[in-house]
């Protein structure tokens, strides 16, 4: 069984591993995204009474192999996380919970429910979604859009409310449409009271940005 000292070592090694894997990432899914999600998740965990070790491990590893960069295969992330944690000798129940969180945490389309059965998972999901909102969320949206080669904005393309994960994976969209297809939906999908409180302000900031963007496109400002 993992001891207290073992847990500190596991976290330190995992942190170093994730930094090495994602250190040069440039789409907004980089090490500093992980760092922010960890900080937010641990803050939420203190108020929710969750095990900080499980929360931090799941936050550290939640993007270790994101499906968006692995041909849409959502199984790669949990598999790589499991291999890493088992290699460190982490107890099976914790490995299962971390991998279950990684499998469930991502947004998979407006019409797709993504419930997470564990408290730690719900906290990490909130923390990850909070990093998709506000000023940081805006910056990450355009970083990822540029990486994908998708248009900044095309008023001829209407936002889509994808009914399945497959539809969401295969979408052709614009960076501005992404706000309507995902980001503006997240405020009402938070799991925790802290998540909902933080999401409200970040959501309002994005709405103000989109209003300004529309005004500038129309020549009103």
Foldseek 3Di string as FASTA:
>chain_A
DQDPVLLVVLLVVLLVVQCVQFVPPFLLLHSVLLVQLLVQLLVVCVVVVDDNSLLNLLSSQLVSPPCLNVVNDQQVSLVVSLVSCVVSVPDDVSSVLSSQLSSQLDDQFQQDDRDRDDPSSLSSSLSSLLCCFAPNVLVSLVRNQVVVVAAQDDVVDAQDGDNGSVCVSPDRDHSVSCCVTPNLPVLVVRDDPVSNVSSVVRSVNVVVVVVVVVCVVVVND
